[in-house]
């Protein structure tokens, strides 16, 4: 098995698992999403923790923070987005709407702080200090796109942001935090990929891990922005308004787990490929002679 072959098999499978949401009955799809999303994040967290054991110092700390980020993300989904009413109602009973949003924002801020620490520890091992020309282009496009998809669908809210009620103000800051996450993440990851390439190391698996994090945030907002600009595409009561974001999240979280598993196994697969290549092939003539005696 090689990294390329593994990803060639698993990525289409991940896409199928995500698209399965469209073909399940509404009730079954809701349960499927409720199980798949946190399970994928839990597996990703465990794999990130395992990968951290393969490194020392800064890289070990970086993957520990990544594991913590995925684990807290999983807990937040279970607590606040669970379709099981007993769990949600027991948690939120006695808490006002503003209080609930404050708790959500506090958890989100903590989790993004952990992801920033992940980025900081990555930068500590990077010898390349400047973005390449392509890196600056990607960073500029990321800034524009992230801010656009965060603000445009809620433009009326942002125009009156400082006169809005507290729950709406907090909701707007959550959207800005999501945009800031992608903006901060992109140049750091680009630098790290440059570093890996300069050391002739594998960057594909790590790129896929980050792509999963970005996709789970950016594509959902992008879908919302498209619907805001072209509301005639889907009716207000269309089930696709819920199933498309759910599909995006499931796809993104599964991609993270797949990327981390491949990242964990790539050295093992590489050594096996080298061993196989160095093994001398049996000489057919000698085998035939051996049978004759």
Protein backbone atom coordinates (compact mmCIF):
# COMPACT_ATOMS: atom_id res chain seq x y z
CA UNK A 1 0.00 0.00 0.00
CA UNK A 2 1.20 3.52 -0.82
CA UNK A 3 -0.14 6.88 0.31
CA UNK A 4 -1.37 7.75 -3.17
CA UNK A 5 -3.13 4.42 -3.59
CA UNK A 6 -4.71 4.62 -0.12
CA UNK A 7 -6.05 8.11 -0.77
CA UNK A 8 -7.24 7.08 -4.22
CA UNK A 9 -9.38 4.39 -2.58
CA UNK A 10 -10.57 6.19 0.55
CA UNK A 11 -11.37 9.67 -0.80
CA UNK A 12 -14.09 8.40 -3.20
CA UNK A 13 -15.39 6.24 -0.34
CA UNK A 14 -15.57 9.29 1.92
CA UNK A 15 -17.49 11.15 -0.77
CA UNK A 16 -19.97 8.28 -1.03
CA UNK A 17 -20.45 8.21 2.76
CA UNK A 18 -21.12 11.94 2.73
CA UNK A 19 -23.52 11.82 -0.24
CA UNK A 20 -25.42 9.00 1.43
CA UNK A 21 -27.26 11.69 3.42
CA UNK A 22 -29.22 12.64 0.27
CA UNK A 23 -30.58 9.11 -0.16
CA UNK A 24 -31.65 8.34 3.41
CA UNK A 25 -35.10 9.14 4.84
CA UNK A 26 -35.12 12.36 6.84
CA UNK A 27 -35.20 10.63 10.24
CA UNK A 28 -32.49 8.13 9.34
CA UNK A 29 -30.34 10.87 7.80
CA UNK A 30 -30.59 12.91 11.01
CA UNK A 31 -29.38 9.96 13.11
CA UNK A 32 -26.67 9.12 10.55
CA UNK A 33 -25.31 12.69 10.71
CA UNK A 34 -25.56 12.77 14.52
CA UNK A 35 -23.42 9.63 14.74
CA UNK A 36 -21.02 10.16 11.81
CA UNK A 37 -19.93 13.72 12.58
CA UNK A 38 -18.76 13.24 16.20
CA UNK A 39 -17.43 9.74 15.46
CA UNK A 40 -15.25 11.07 12.62
CA UNK A 41 -13.93 13.85 14.88
CA UNK A 42 -13.28 11.39 17.73
CA UNK A 43 -11.32 9.11 15.39
CA UNK A 44 -9.44 12.13 14.03
CA UNK A 45 -8.59 13.27 17.57
CA UNK A 46 -7.30 9.81 18.51
CA UNK A 47 -5.22 9.61 15.32
CA UNK A 48 -3.75 13.10 15.88
CA UNK A 49 -2.75 12.04 19.39
CA UNK A 50 -1.16 8.88 17.98
CA UNK A 51 0.68 10.88 15.29
CA UNK A 52 2.05 13.19 18.01
CA UNK A 53 3.93 10.20 19.45
CA UNK A 54 5.87 9.90 16.20
CA UNK A 55 7.46 13.34 16.69
CA UNK A 56 9.39 15.25 19.33
CA UNK A 57 9.13 18.71 20.88
CA UNK A 58 7.32 21.26 18.67
CA UNK A 59 5.68 18.85 16.24
CA UNK A 60 4.53 16.62 19.08
CA UNK A 61 2.93 19.63 20.79
CA UNK A 62 1.36 20.74 17.49
CA UNK A 63 -0.43 17.43 16.96
CA UNK A 64 -1.50 17.30 20.62
CA UNK A 65 -3.19 20.68 20.11
CA UNK A 66 -4.78 19.39 16.90
CA UNK A 67 -6.14 16.41 18.83
CA UNK A 68 -7.57 18.74 21.48
CA UNK A 69 -9.17 20.93 18.79
CA UNK A 70 -10.93 17.97 17.18
CA UNK A 71 -12.03 16.55 20.55
CA UNK A 72 -13.57 19.83 21.75
CA UNK A 73 -15.22 20.26 18.34
CA UNK A 74 -16.76 16.81 18.79
CA UNK A 75 -18.08 17.67 22.25
CA UNK A 76 -19.58 20.92 20.97
CA UNK A 77 -21.45 19.07 18.21
CA UNK A 78 -22.82 16.52 20.67
CA UNK A 79 -23.90 19.16 23.19
CA UNK A 80 -25.36 21.82 20.94
CA UNK A 81 -26.25 20.19 17.62
CA UNK A 82 -27.47 16.80 18.80
CA UNK A 83 -30.90 15.78 17.45
CA UNK A 84 -31.63 13.92 20.67
CA UNK A 85 -33.91 16.33 22.57
CA UNK A 86 -33.34 14.94 26.07
CA UNK A 87 -29.62 15.73 25.97
CA UNK A 88 -30.04 19.19 24.49
CA UNK A 89 -32.99 20.20 26.66
CA UNK A 90 -31.34 19.03 29.87
CA UNK A 91 -28.22 21.05 28.99
CA UNK A 92 -30.03 24.20 27.94
CA UNK A 93 -32.80 24.21 30.55
CA UNK A 94 -32.70 27.41 32.56
CA UNK A 95 -30.26 29.08 30.13
CA UNK A 96 -31.46 32.04 28.08
CA UNK A 97 -30.84 32.36 24.34
CA UNK A 98 -28.11 34.92 25.03
CA UNK A 99 -26.54 32.65 27.63
CA UNK A 100 -26.54 29.71 25.23
CA UNK A 101 -24.86 31.81 22.51
CA UNK A 102 -22.28 33.03 25.04
CA UNK A 103 -21.44 29.43 25.97
CA UNK A 104 -21.18 28.46 22.29
CA UNK A 105 -18.94 31.44 21.55
CA UNK A 106 -16.72 30.76 24.57
CA UNK A 107 -16.21 27.14 23.47
CA UNK A 108 -15.58 28.25 19.91
CA UNK A 109 -13.07 30.90 20.99
CA UNK A 110 -11.25 28.36 23.20
CA UNK A 111 -11.13 25.85 20.36
CA UNK A 112 -9.81 28.40 17.87
CA UNK A 113 -7.19 29.49 20.40
CA UNK A 114 -6.06 25.85 20.56
CA UNK A 115 -5.86 25.78 16.76
CA UNK A 116 -3.76 28.97 16.80
CA UNK A 117 -1.38 27.23 19.23
CA UNK A 118 -1.25 24.33 16.76
CA UNK A 119 -0.19 26.84 14.07
CA UNK A 120 2.41 28.47 16.34
CA UNK A 121 4.10 25.14 17.10
CA UNK A 122 4.12 24.30 13.40
CA UNK A 123 5.86 27.59 12.65
CA UNK A 124 8.55 26.76 15.22
CA UNK A 125 9.85 23.96 13.01
CA UNK A 126 9.60 25.89 9.74
CA UNK A 127 12.88 27.17 8.33
CA UNK A 128 11.15 29.10 5.52
CA UNK A 129 10.19 32.48 6.94
CA UNK A 130 8.48 34.07 3.94
CA UNK A 131 5.55 33.12 1.77
CA UNK A 132 6.25 32.48 -1.88
CA UNK A 133 4.48 34.48 -4.58
CA UNK A 134 1.84 31.80 -4.94
CA UNK A 135 1.44 31.74 -1.17
CA UNK A 136 0.61 35.46 -1.09
CA UNK A 137 -1.93 34.98 -3.86
CA UNK A 138 -3.60 32.13 -1.95
CA UNK A 139 -3.56 34.20 1.24
CA UNK A 140 -5.16 37.23 -0.46
CA UNK A 141 -7.85 35.11 -2.10
CA UNK A 142 -8.50 33.36 1.22
CA UNK A 143 -8.95 36.68 3.04
CA UNK A 144 -11.38 38.04 0.46
CA UNK A 145 -13.38 34.82 0.13
CA UNK A 146 -13.55 34.10 3.88
CA UNK A 147 -14.74 37.58 4.80
CA UNK A 148 -17.18 37.65 1.88
CA UNK A 149 -18.92 34.37 2.74
CA UNK A 150 -19.04 35.31 6.44
CA UNK A 151 -20.48 38.81 5.96
CA UNK A 152 -22.46 38.79 2.70
CA UNK A 153 -25.34 36.47 3.72
CA UNK A 154 -25.86 38.59 6.87
CA UNK A 155 -25.07 41.98 5.35
CA UNK A 156 -28.06 43.71 6.97
CA UNK A 157 -26.91 42.46 10.37
CA UNK A 158 -23.33 43.64 9.86
CA UNK A 159 -24.51 47.07 8.65
CA UNK A 160 -26.25 47.59 11.98
CA UNK A 161 -23.86 45.51 14.03
CA UNK A 162 -23.25 47.94 16.90
CA UNK A 163 -26.93 48.73 17.34
CA UNK A 164 -28.01 45.08 17.26
CA UNK A 165 -29.28 43.13 20.24
CA UNK A 166 -26.67 41.08 22.09
CA UNK A 167 -27.64 37.64 20.66
CA UNK A 168 -27.35 38.98 17.10
CA UNK A 169 -24.07 40.72 17.90
CA UNK A 170 -22.66 37.46 19.30
CA UNK A 171 -23.90 35.55 16.26
CA UNK A 172 -22.04 38.00 14.01
CA UNK A 173 -18.83 37.60 16.00
CA UNK A 174 -19.08 33.81 15.63
CA UNK A 175 -19.18 34.24 11.85
CA UNK A 176 -16.14 36.53 11.99
CA UNK A 177 -14.30 34.00 14.17
CA UNK A 178 -14.94 31.33 11.54
CA UNK A 179 -13.54 33.61 8.84
CA UNK A 180 -10.52 34.48 11.00
CA UNK A 181 -9.85 30.78 11.53
CA UNK A 182 -9.39 30.17 7.81
CA UNK A 183 -7.43 33.40 7.27
CA UNK A 184 -4.95 32.54 10.05
CA UNK A 185 -4.69 28.89 9.08
CA UNK A 186 -3.91 29.31 5.39
CA UNK A 187 -0.48 31.06 5.41
CA UNK A 188 0.78 28.86 8.26
CA UNK A 189 -0.14 25.71 6.40
CA UNK A 190 1.35 27.04 3.17
CA UNK A 191 4.63 27.73 4.96
CA UNK A 192 4.65 24.26 6.47
CA UNK A 193 4.01 22.63 3.11
CA UNK A 194 6.89 24.68 1.63
CA UNK A 195 9.05 23.42 4.50
CA UNK A 196 8.11 19.78 3.87
CA UNK A 197 8.83 20.12 0.16
CA UNK A 198 12.21 21.73 0.89
CA UNK A 199 13.05 18.67 3.01
CA UNK A 200 11.67 16.33 0.31
CA UNK A 201 9.05 15.05 2.72
CA UNK A 202 5.45 14.03 2.07
CA UNK A 203 3.05 16.99 2.21
CA UNK A 204 -0.03 15.39 0.61
CA UNK A 205 -1.49 13.84 3.76
CA UNK A 206 -1.02 16.98 5.85
CA UNK A 207 -2.60 19.08 3.11
CA UNK A 208 -5.65 16.80 3.15
CA UNK A 209 -6.02 17.15 6.94
CA UNK A 210 -6.09 20.94 6.68
CA UNK A 211 -8.35 20.78 3.63
CA UNK A 212 -10.87 18.94 5.79
CA UNK A 213 -10.79 21.67 8.45
CA UNK A 214 -11.14 24.42 5.84
CA UNK A 215 -13.89 22.62 3.90
CA UNK A 216 -16.00 22.06 7.02
CA UNK A 217 -16.12 25.83 7.59
CA UNK A 218 -15.65 27.60 4.28
CA UNK A 219 -17.87 25.46 2.02
CA UNK A 220 -20.85 25.77 4.38
CA UNK A 221 -20.61 29.56 4.36
CA UNK A 222 -20.06 29.53 0.60
CA UNK A 223 -23.25 27.51 0.13
CA UNK A 224 -25.11 30.01 2.31
CA UNK A 225 -23.73 32.92 0.27
CA UNK A 226 -24.82 31.29 -3.01
CA UNK A 227 -28.36 30.79 -1.67
CA UNK A 228 -28.41 34.38 -0.48
CA UNK A 229 -27.45 35.64 -3.91
CA UNK A 230 -29.68 33.21 -5.82
CA UNK A 231 -32.61 32.34 -3.51
CA UNK A 232 -34.55 30.89 -6.43
CA UNK A 233 -32.18 27.92 -6.57
CA UNK A 234 -33.86 26.27 -3.55
CA UNK A 235 -37.21 26.88 -1.92
CA UNK A 236 -37.36 27.85 1.73
CA UNK A 237 -38.85 24.45 2.58
CA UNK A 238 -36.39 22.42 0.51
CA UNK A 239 -34.69 19.65 2.55
CA UNK A 240 -31.49 20.40 0.62
CA UNK A 241 -31.03 23.55 2.70
CA UNK A 242 -30.18 21.27 5.62
CA UNK A 243 -28.75 18.22 3.86
CA UNK A 244 -26.11 20.08 1.82
CA UNK A 245 -24.38 21.64 4.90
CA UNK A 246 -24.61 18.31 6.72
CA UNK A 247 -22.97 16.59 3.75
CA UNK A 248 -20.20 19.20 3.73
CA UNK A 249 -19.52 18.69 7.45
CA UNK A 250 -19.50 14.89 7.23
CA UNK A 251 -17.17 15.05 4.21
CA UNK A 252 -14.81 17.50 5.93
CA UNK A 253 -14.60 15.57 9.21
CA UNK A 254 -14.05 12.23 7.44
CA UNK A 255 -11.34 13.81 5.28
CA UNK A 256 -9.50 14.90 8.44
CA UNK A 257 -9.56 11.35 9.81
CA UNK A 258 -8.43 9.84 6.51
CA UNK A 259 -5.59 12.35 6.16
CA UNK A 260 -4.36 11.70 9.70
CA UNK A 261 -4.45 7.93 9.22
CA UNK A 262 -2.44 8.23 5.99
CA UNK A 263 -0.03 10.63 7.75
CA UNK A 264 0.46 8.04 10.48
CA UNK A 265 1.08 5.17 8.05
CA UNK A 266 3.09 6.90 5.30
CA UNK A 267 6.52 6.15 6.77
CA UNK A 268 5.59 2.49 7.32
CA UNK A 269 4.32 2.21 3.73
CA UNK A 270 7.44 3.97 2.46
CA UNK A 271 9.80 1.58 4.28
CA UNK A 272 7.86 -1.45 3.01
CA UNK A 273 8.08 -0.13 -0.56
CA UNK A 274 11.85 0.31 -0.18
CA UNK A 275 12.26 -3.20 1.27
CA UNK A 276 10.21 -4.67 -1.56
CA UNK A 277 12.24 -2.80 -4.17
CA UNK A 278 15.53 -4.01 -2.66
CA UNK A 279 14.57 -7.68 -2.49
CA UNK A 280 16.28 -9.67 -5.29
CA UNK A 281 13.86 -11.40 -7.62
CA UNK A 282 14.14 -15.16 -7.89
CA UNK A 283 15.88 -16.41 -11.02
CA UNK A 284 13.45 -18.68 -12.93
CA UNK A 285 16.34 -20.72 -14.36
CA UNK A 286 17.75 -21.47 -10.91
CA UNK A 287 14.31 -22.47 -9.60
CA UNK A 288 13.86 -24.88 -12.51
CA UNK A 289 17.27 -26.43 -11.91
CA UNK A 290 16.56 -26.83 -8.25
CA UNK A 291 13.44 -28.87 -9.05
CA UNK A 292 15.42 -31.09 -11.42
CA UNK A 293 17.76 -32.18 -8.63
